[in-house]
Amino acid sequence: MQTWSAPLGADRRVRVAITDRHDGDLCVDLDPGELAPRRAALIDRPWLWLRQVHGAEVVVLGPDDPLDEVVGRAADAAVTTRSDVVLAAHSADCATLALWSAEGHVAAVHAGWRGLRSGVIAAAARSMRALGAGALQAYTGPSIGPECYEFGGEELDSMVAAFDDSIIAVTSSGAVGLDVRAVVAIELRRNGIEHVGGSDACTACRGELFWSHRARMDTGRQALLCWIEP
């Protein structure tokens, strides 16, 4: 598991972790009895995980909201100001992001191409700013790289229309592809979010570390985790 952190106000820090195969499969559909100890071994606090649906729905966990009422909701981003939970975004090729503000707002975002087209990053940023967040920063997890992501037809046309033609890539085999990282970069700029770091690992290329649905039809999932701690 790779970890990273940044200071917040009031002597707190945001922490971000990226899991890999060595940390075990974190697919939310596994037996809860298998997942619970695996999660606790990584970050021993309650996890807010979602049933990701490749959309732009955002779950906000308020100060007094029962966690069990939002865990497992159909959504692709979670936002909170609480320090007693860890937010999780799962992936096996899609982009994942941690967002935060100095005021202590954090978010975990799952951003596949459909979610990016639907505006999931913008939706998460709006939710954070509605709660009082100021300047936002982002840390990105591993995703499928442009050299491996063959992508074309009407789906690519729709992405170019939503963004621009800089997102078109050429794969290592010479096919037309999609540069998911370029899409994420455009969305961060559009929404005034500073990209301060992340992983440039390709989930398709790095099969020894990461699961990839596109390259290997893997059912396993890694996770990007973020949380606040003193």
C-alpha atoms as a PDB file:
ATOM      1  CA  MET A   1       0.000   0.000   0.000  1.00  0.00           C
ATOM      2  CA  GLN A   2       1.343   3.417  -0.995  1.00  0.00           C
ATOM      3  CA  THR A   3       0.525   6.330   1.317  1.00  0.00           C
ATOM      4  CA  TRP A   4       0.717  10.092   1.030  1.00  0.00           C
ATOM      5  CA  SER A   5      -0.353  12.983   3.248  1.00  0.00           C
ATOM      6  CA  ALA A   6      -0.784  16.752   3.286  1.00  0.00           C
ATOM      7  CA  PRO A   7      -1.392  19.232   6.119  1.00  0.00           C
ATOM      8  CA  LEU A   8      -4.805  20.698   6.831  1.00  0.00           C
ATOM      9  CA  GLY A   9      -5.714  23.483   9.191  1.00  0.00           C
ATOM     10  CA  ALA A  10      -6.034  22.987  12.967  1.00  0.00           C
ATOM     11  CA  ASP A  11      -3.078  20.586  13.184  1.00  0.00           C
ATOM     12  CA  ARG A  12      -4.747  17.905  11.092  1.00  0.00           C
ATOM     13  CA  ARG A  13      -3.654  16.001   7.995  1.00  0.00           C
ATOM     14  CA  VAL A  14      -5.396  14.401   5.046  1.00  0.00           C
ATOM     15  CA  ARG A  15      -4.008  10.976   4.277  1.00  0.00           C
ATOM     16  CA  VAL A  16      -4.340   9.090   1.002  1.00  0.00           C
ATOM     17  CA  ALA A  17      -3.556   5.409   0.463  1.00  0.00           C
ATOM     18  CA  ILE A  18      -3.528   3.345  -2.713  1.00  0.00           C
ATOM     19  CA  THR A  19      -3.834  -0.402  -2.295  1.00  0.00           C
ATOM     20  CA  ASP A  20      -2.599  -3.098  -4.648  1.00  0.00           C
ATOM     21  CA  ARG A  21      -2.773  -6.871  -5.059  1.00  0.00           C
ATOM     22  CA  HIS A  22      -0.535  -7.422  -2.041  1.00  0.00           C
ATOM     23  CA  ASP A  23      -3.208  -5.849   0.168  1.00  0.00           C
ATOM     24  CA  GLY A  24      -5.885  -8.255  -1.059  1.00  0.00           C
ATOM     25  CA  ASP A  25      -8.994  -7.964  -3.183  1.00  0.00           C
ATOM     26  CA  LEU A  26     -11.286  -5.179  -1.917  1.00  0.00           C
ATOM     27  CA  CYS A  27     -14.214  -5.781  -4.274  1.00  0.00           C
ATOM     28  CA  VAL A  28     -17.322  -4.745  -2.367  1.00  0.00           C
ATOM     29  CA  ASP A  29     -19.217  -7.869  -3.480  1.00  0.00           C
ATOM     30  CA  LEU A  30     -16.953 -10.215  -1.520  1.00  0.00           C
ATOM     31  CA  ASP A  31     -18.128 -11.887   1.683  1.00  0.00           C
ATOM     32  CA  PRO A  32     -18.302  -9.182   4.403  1.00  0.00           C
ATOM     33  CA  GLY A  33     -16.634 -11.623   6.772  1.00  0.00           C
ATOM     34  CA  GLU A  34     -13.665 -11.711   4.429  1.00  0.00           C
ATOM     35  CA  LEU A  35     -13.622  -7.973   3.715  1.00  0.00           C
ATOM     36  CA  ALA A  36     -13.927  -6.646   7.271  1.00  0.00           C
ATOM     37  CA  PRO A  37     -10.586  -7.949   8.599  1.00  0.00           C
ATOM     38  CA  ARG A  38      -8.863  -7.036   5.333  1.00  0.00           C
ATOM     39  CA  ARG A  39     -10.107  -3.469   5.589  1.00  0.00           C
ATOM     40  CA  ALA A  40      -9.232  -3.229   9.267  1.00  0.00           C
ATOM     41  CA  ALA A  41      -5.696  -4.438   8.590  1.00  0.00           C
ATOM     42  CA  LEU A  42      -5.259  -1.524   6.179  1.00  0.00           C
ATOM     43  CA  ILE A  43      -7.090   1.301   7.982  1.00  0.00           C
ATOM     44  CA  ASP A  44      -8.734   0.423  11.272  1.00  0.00           C
ATOM     45  CA  ARG A  45     -11.742   2.689  11.228  1.00  0.00           C
ATOM     46  CA  PRO A  46     -15.192   2.448   9.595  1.00  0.00           C
ATOM     47  CA  TRP A  47     -15.127   2.549   5.787  1.00  0.00           C
ATOM     48  CA  LEU A  48     -17.588   4.485   3.652  1.00  0.00           C
ATOM     49  CA  TRP A  49     -17.727   2.484   0.431  1.00  0.00           C
ATOM     50  CA  LEU A  50     -20.173   2.800  -2.447  1.00  0.00           C
ATOM     51  CA  ARG A  51     -21.760   0.668  -5.144  1.00  0.00           C
ATOM     52  CA  GLN A  52     -20.210   2.534  -8.024  1.00  0.00           C
ATOM     53  CA  VAL A  53     -22.450   2.972 -11.053  1.00  0.00           C
ATOM     54  CA  HIS A  54     -20.335   5.143 -13.403  1.00  0.00           C
ATOM     55  CA  GLY A  55     -22.446   8.227 -12.819  1.00  0.00           C
ATOM     56  CA  ALA A  56     -22.160  11.562 -11.027  1.00  0.00           C
ATOM     57  CA  GLU A  57     -24.118  10.942  -7.820  1.00  0.00           C
ATOM     58  CA  VAL A  58     -22.403  12.178  -4.643  1.00  0.00           C
ATOM     59  CA  VAL A  59     -23.028  10.909  -1.117  1.00  0.00           C
ATOM     60  CA  VAL A  60     -22.449  13.437   1.687  1.00  0.00           C
ATOM     61  CA  LEU A  61     -21.880  12.079   5.201  1.00  0.00           C
ATOM     62  CA  GLY A  62     -22.812  14.818   7.656  1.00  0.00           C
ATOM     63  CA  PRO A  63     -21.542  15.191  11.237  1.00  0.00           C
ATOM     64  CA  ASP A  64     -24.506  13.365  12.750  1.00  0.00           C
ATOM     65  CA  ASP A  65     -25.497  11.057   9.890  1.00  0.00           C
ATOM     66  CA  PRO A  66     -25.538   7.318  10.679  1.00  0.00           C
ATOM     67  CA  LEU A  67     -22.831   5.708   8.576  1.00  0.00           C
ATOM     68  CA  ASP A  68     -24.888   2.590   7.912  1.00  0.00           C
ATOM     69  CA  GLU A  69     -27.494   4.679   6.085  1.00  0.00           C
ATOM     70  CA  VAL A  70     -25.027   5.756   3.391  1.00  0.00           C
ATOM     71  CA  VAL A  71     -22.596   2.819   3.136  1.00  0.00           C
ATOM     72  CA  GLY A  72     -23.236   0.853  -0.049  1.00  0.00           C
ATOM     73  CA  ARG A  73     -25.320   3.570  -1.734  1.00  0.00           C
ATOM     74  CA  ALA A  74     -25.335   3.705  -5.534  1.00  0.00           C
ATOM     75  CA  ALA A  75     -22.990   6.619  -6.166  1.00  0.00           C
ATOM     76  CA  ASP A  76     -19.487   7.422  -7.398  1.00  0.00           C
ATOM     77  CA  ALA A  77     -18.232  10.000  -4.895  1.00  0.00           C
ATOM     78  CA  ALA A  78     -18.355  10.427  -1.130  1.00  0.00           C
ATOM     79  CA  VAL A  79     -17.779  13.663   0.784  1.00  0.00           C
ATOM     80  CA  THR A  80     -17.398  14.320   4.498  1.00  0.00           C
ATOM     81  CA  THR A  81     -15.767  16.559   7.103  1.00  0.00           C
ATOM     82  CA  ARG A  82     -15.612  13.758   9.671  1.00  0.00           C
ATOM     83  CA  SER A  83     -12.389  12.245  10.955  1.00  0.00           C
ATOM     84  CA  ASP A  84     -13.866   8.960  12.203  1.00  0.00           C
ATOM     85  CA  VAL A  85     -14.302   7.329   8.775  1.00  0.00           C
ATOM     86  CA  VAL A  86     -12.211   6.430   5.748  1.00  0.00           C
ATOM     87  CA  LEU A  87     -13.631   7.120   2.274  1.00  0.00           C
ATOM     88  CA  ALA A  88     -13.016   4.463  -0.374  1.00  0.00           C
ATOM     89  CA  ALA A  89     -13.114   4.539  -4.175  1.00  0.00           C
ATOM     90  CA  HIS A  90     -12.557   1.157  -5.848  1.00  0.00           C
ATOM     91  CA  SER A  91     -11.193   0.526  -9.311  1.00  0.00           C
ATOM     92  CA  ALA A  92      -9.790  -1.914 -11.828  1.00  0.00           C
ATOM     93  CA  ASP A  93      -8.879   0.601 -14.600  1.00  0.00           C
ATOM     94  CA  CYS A  94     -11.017   3.670 -13.873  1.00  0.00           C
ATOM     95  CA  ALA A  95      -9.486   6.806 -12.412  1.00  0.00           C
ATOM     96  CA  THR A  96      -9.823   7.454  -8.692  1.00  0.00           C
ATOM     97  CA  LEU A  97      -9.216  10.721  -6.871  1.00  0.00           C
ATOM     98  CA  ALA A  98      -8.919  12.091  -3.369  1.00  0.00           C
ATOM     99  CA  LEU A  99     -10.056  15.711  -3.022  1.00  0.00           C
ATOM    100  CA  TRP A 100      -9.664  17.925   0.036  1.00  0.00           C
ATOM    101  CA  SER A 101      -9.678  21.476   1.331  1.00  0.00           C
ATOM    102  CA  ALA A 102      -7.641  23.141   4.069  1.00  0.00           C
ATOM    103  CA  GLU A 103     -10.895  23.602   5.988  1.00  0.00           C
ATOM    104  CA  GLY A 104     -11.181  19.833   6.409  1.00  0.00           C
ATOM    105  CA  HIS A 105     -13.466  18.618   3.616  1.00  0.00           C
ATOM    106  CA  VAL A 106     -12.454  15.343   1.961  1.00  0.00           C
ATOM    107  CA  ALA A 107     -13.840  13.302  -0.932  1.00  0.00           C
ATOM    108  CA  ALA A 108     -13.127  10.023  -2.666  1.00  0.00           C
ATOM    109  CA  VAL A 109     -14.155   9.895  -6.323  1.00  0.00           C
ATOM    110  CA  HIS A 110     -14.487   7.028  -8.800  1.00  0.00           C
ATOM    111  CA  ALA A 111     -14.218   8.372 -12.346  1.00  0.00           C
ATOM    112  CA  GLY A 112     -14.642   6.035 -15.283  1.00  0.00           C
ATOM    113  CA  TRP A 113     -15.165   7.528 -18.713  1.00  0.00           C
ATOM    114  CA  ARG A 114     -18.933   7.618 -18.264  1.00  0.00           C
ATOM    115  CA  GLY A 115     -18.607   9.284 -14.872  1.00  0.00           C
ATOM    116  CA  LEU A 116     -16.153  11.809 -16.273  1.00  0.00           C
ATOM    117  CA  ARG A 117     -18.535  12.594 -19.121  1.00  0.00           C
ATOM    118  CA  SER A 118     -21.366  12.956 -16.592  1.00  0.00           C
ATOM    119  CA  GLY A 119     -19.319  15.403 -14.486  1.00  0.00           C
ATOM    120  CA  VAL A 120     -18.578  13.386 -11.340  1.00  0.00           C
ATOM    121  CA  ILE A 121     -15.525  15.484 -10.426  1.00  0.00           C
ATOM    122  CA  ALA A 122     -17.511  18.704 -10.803  1.00  0.00           C
ATOM    123  CA  ALA A 123     -20.348  17.229  -8.722  1.00  0.00           C
ATOM    124  CA  ALA A 124     -17.968  16.286  -5.904  1.00  0.00           C
ATOM    125  CA  ALA A 125     -16.375  19.748  -5.976  1.00  0.00           C
ATOM    126  CA  ARG A 126     -19.789  21.447  -5.833  1.00  0.00           C
ATOM    127  CA  SER A 127     -20.801  19.328  -2.852  1.00  0.00           C
ATOM    128  CA  MET A 128     -17.598  20.222  -1.007  1.00  0.00           C
ATOM    129  CA  ARG A 129     -17.941  23.925  -1.745  1.00  0.00           C
ATOM    130  CA  ALA A 130     -21.573  23.881  -0.656  1.00  0.00           C
ATOM    131  CA  LEU A 131     -20.301  22.719   2.741  1.00  0.00           C
ATOM    132  CA  GLY A 132     -17.835  25.615   2.942  1.00  0.00           C
ATOM    133  CA  ALA A 133     -14.703  24.268   1.289  1.00  0.00           C
ATOM    134  CA  GLY A 134     -12.305  26.826  -0.139  1.00  0.00           C
ATOM    135  CA  ALA A 135      -9.432  25.912  -2.455  1.00  0.00           C
ATOM    136  CA  LEU A 136      -9.469  22.249  -3.447  1.00  0.00           C
ATOM    137  CA  GLN A 137      -6.547  19.925  -4.106  1.00  0.00           C
ATOM    138  CA  ALA A 138      -6.423  16.455  -5.645  1.00  0.00           C
ATOM    139  CA  TYR A 139      -4.333  13.298  -5.547  1.00  0.00           C
ATOM    140  CA  THR A 140      -4.984  10.679  -8.233  1.00  0.00           C
ATOM    141  CA  GLY A 141      -4.744   6.902  -8.124  1.00  0.00           C
ATOM    142  CA  PRO A 142      -3.537   4.498 -10.826  1.00  0.00           C
ATOM    143  CA  SER A 143      -5.656   3.968 -13.921  1.00  0.00           C
ATOM    144  CA  ILE A 144      -5.416   2.357 -17.313  1.00  0.00           C
ATOM    145  CA  GLY A 145      -2.880   4.267 -19.394  1.00  0.00           C
ATOM    146  CA  PRO A 146      -3.429   5.695 -22.881  1.00  0.00           C
ATOM    147  CA  GLU A 147      -1.007   3.127 -24.291  1.00  0.00           C
ATOM    148  CA  CYS A 148      -3.429   0.347 -23.304  1.00  0.00           C
ATOM    149  CA  TYR A 149      -6.904   1.863 -23.564  1.00  0.00           C
ATOM    150  CA  GLU A 150      -8.294   1.175 -27.035  1.00  0.00           C
ATOM    151  CA  PHE A 151     -11.395   3.317 -27.393  1.00  0.00           C
ATOM    152  CA  GLY A 152     -13.308   4.642 -30.379  1.00  0.00           C
ATOM    153  CA  GLY A 153     -16.578   5.109 -32.254  1.00  0.00           C
ATOM    154  CA  GLU A 154     -19.486   7.088 -30.868  1.00  0.00           C
ATOM    155  CA  GLU A 155     -18.153   6.777 -27.324  1.00  0.00           C
ATOM    156  CA  LEU A 156     -14.916   8.545 -28.239  1.00  0.00           C
ATOM    157  CA  ASP A 157     -16.851  11.152 -30.233  1.00  0.00           C
ATOM    158  CA  SER A 158     -18.967  11.894 -27.160  1.00  0.00           C
ATOM    159  CA  MET A 159     -15.847  12.330 -25.021  1.00  0.00           C
ATOM    160  CA  VAL A 160     -14.217  14.668 -27.540  1.00  0.00           C
ATOM    161  CA  ALA A 161     -17.413  16.721 -27.631  1.00  0.00           C
ATOM    162  CA  ALA A 162     -17.448  16.960 -23.834  1.00  0.00           C
ATOM    163  CA  PHE A 163     -13.734  17.762 -23.558  1.00  0.00           C
ATOM    164  CA  ASP A 164     -11.457  18.224 -26.590  1.00  0.00           C
ATOM    165  CA  ASP A 165      -9.349  16.199 -29.006  1.00  0.00           C
ATOM    166  CA  SER A 166      -6.310  16.242 -26.687  1.00  0.00           C
ATOM    167  CA  ILE A 167      -7.872  13.224 -24.969  1.00  0.00           C
ATOM    168  CA  ILE A 168      -7.424  11.061 -28.082  1.00  0.00           C
ATOM    169  CA  ALA A 169      -4.501   8.669 -27.715  1.00  0.00           C
ATOM    170  CA  VAL A 170      -2.689   6.059 -29.772  1.00  0.00           C
ATOM    171  CA  THR A 171      -2.191   2.709 -28.047  1.00  0.00           C
ATOM    172  CA  SER A 172       1.020   0.711 -28.139  1.00  0.00           C
ATOM    173  CA  SER A 173      -0.558  -1.423 -30.887  1.00  0.00           C
ATOM    174  CA  GLY A 174      -1.329   1.645 -32.999  1.00  0.00           C
ATOM    175  CA  ALA A 175      -5.082   1.717 -32.336  1.00  0.00           C
ATOM    176  CA  VAL A 176      -7.086   4.793 -31.418  1.00  0.00           C
ATOM    177  CA  GLY A 177      -7.356   5.139 -27.659  1.00  0.00           C
ATOM    178  CA  LEU A 178      -8.530   7.326 -24.785  1.00  0.00           C
ATOM    179  CA  ASP A 179      -6.261   9.173 -22.369  1.00  0.00           C
ATOM    180  CA  VAL A 180      -8.245   9.042 -19.139  1.00  0.00           C
ATOM    181  CA  ARG A 181      -5.576  11.010 -17.292  1.00  0.00           C
ATOM    182  CA  ALA A 182      -5.890  13.846 -19.810  1.00  0.00           C
ATOM    183  CA  VAL A 183      -9.654  13.901 -19.212  1.00  0.00           C
ATOM    184  CA  VAL A 184      -9.117  14.053 -15.449  1.00  0.00           C
ATOM    185  CA  ALA A 185      -6.613  16.897 -15.894  1.00  0.00           C
ATOM    186  CA  ILE A 186      -9.125  18.886 -17.949  1.00  0.00           C
ATOM    187  CA  GLU A 187     -11.840  18.390 -15.337  1.00  0.00           C
ATOM    188  CA  LEU A 188      -9.538  19.440 -12.514  1.00  0.00           C
ATOM    189  CA  ARG A 189      -8.617  22.637 -14.353  1.00  0.00           C
ATOM    190  CA  ARG A 190     -12.238  23.394 -15.215  1.00  0.00           C
ATOM    191  CA  ASN A 191     -13.225  23.089 -11.592  1.00  0.00           C
ATOM    192  CA  GLY A 192     -10.322  25.039 -10.121  1.00  0.00           C
ATOM    193  CA  ILE A 193      -8.765  22.032  -8.410  1.00  0.00           C
ATOM    194  CA  GLU A 194      -4.991  21.863  -7.966  1.00  0.00           C
ATOM    195  CA  HIS A 195      -3.481  18.482  -8.857  1.00  0.00           C
ATOM    196  CA  VAL A 196      -0.697  18.021  -6.312  1.00  0.00           C
ATOM    197  CA  GLY A 197       0.320  14.412  -6.969  1.00  0.00           C
ATOM    198  CA  GLY A 198      -0.660  10.895  -7.809  1.00  0.00           C
ATOM    199  CA  SER A 199       0.258   7.600  -9.387  1.00  0.00           C
ATOM    200  CA  ASP A 200       1.080   7.313 -13.087  1.00  0.00           C
ATOM    201  CA  ALA A 201       1.008   3.491 -12.984  1.00  0.00           C
ATOM    202  CA  CYS A 202      -0.995   1.765 -15.708  1.00  0.00           C
ATOM    203  CA  THR A 203      -3.299  -0.880 -14.271  1.00  0.00           C
ATOM    204  CA  ALA A 204      -3.205  -2.825 -17.545  1.00  0.00           C
ATOM    205  CA  CYS A 205       0.601  -2.870 -17.791  1.00  0.00           C
ATOM    206  CA  ARG A 206       1.299  -3.496 -14.111  1.00  0.00           C
ATOM    207  CA  GLY A 207      -0.481  -6.811 -13.685  1.00  0.00           C
ATOM    208  CA  GLU A 208       1.834  -7.815 -10.852  1.00  0.00           C
ATOM    209  CA  LEU A 209       0.461  -4.921  -8.788  1.00  0.00           C
ATOM    210  CA  PHE A 210      -2.993  -3.985 -10.010  1.00  0.00           C
ATOM    211  CA  TRP A 211      -6.217  -5.536 -11.228  1.00  0.00           C
ATOM    212  CA  SER A 212      -7.402  -4.585 -14.730  1.00  0.00           C
ATOM    213  CA  HIS A 213     -10.833  -5.428 -16.071  1.00  0.00           C
ATOM    214  CA  ARG A 214      -9.984  -4.220 -19.572  1.00  0.00           C
ATOM    215  CA  ALA A 215      -6.671  -6.081 -19.945  1.00  0.00           C
ATOM    216  CA  ARG A 216      -7.365  -9.305 -18.022  1.00  0.00           C
ATOM    217  CA  MET A 217     -11.094  -9.322 -17.128  1.00  0.00           C
ATOM    218  CA  ASP A 218     -10.069  -9.234 -13.468  1.00  0.00           C
ATOM    219  CA  THR A 219     -12.871  -9.196 -10.914  1.00  0.00           C
ATOM    220  CA  GLY A 220     -10.596  -7.967  -8.125  1.00  0.00           C
ATOM    221  CA  ARG A 221     -10.463  -4.322  -7.094  1.00  0.00           C
ATOM    222  CA  GLN A 222      -7.850  -2.044  -5.601  1.00  0.00           C
ATOM    223  CA  ALA A 223      -8.886   1.070  -3.685  1.00  0.00           C
ATOM    224  CA  LEU A 224      -7.962   4.677  -3.173  1.00  0.00           C
ATOM    225  CA  LEU A 225      -8.594   5.598   0.453  1.00  0.00           C
ATOM    226  CA  CYS A 226      -8.621   9.022   2.082  1.00  0.00           C
ATOM    227  CA  TRP A 227      -9.257  10.198   5.601  1.00  0.00           C
ATOM    228  CA  ILE A 228      -8.517  12.963   8.111  1.00  0.00           C
ATOM    229  CA  GLU A 229      -6.433  12.445  11.209  1.00  0.00           C
ATOM    230  CA  PRO A 230      -4.794  14.657  13.836  1.00  0.00           C
END
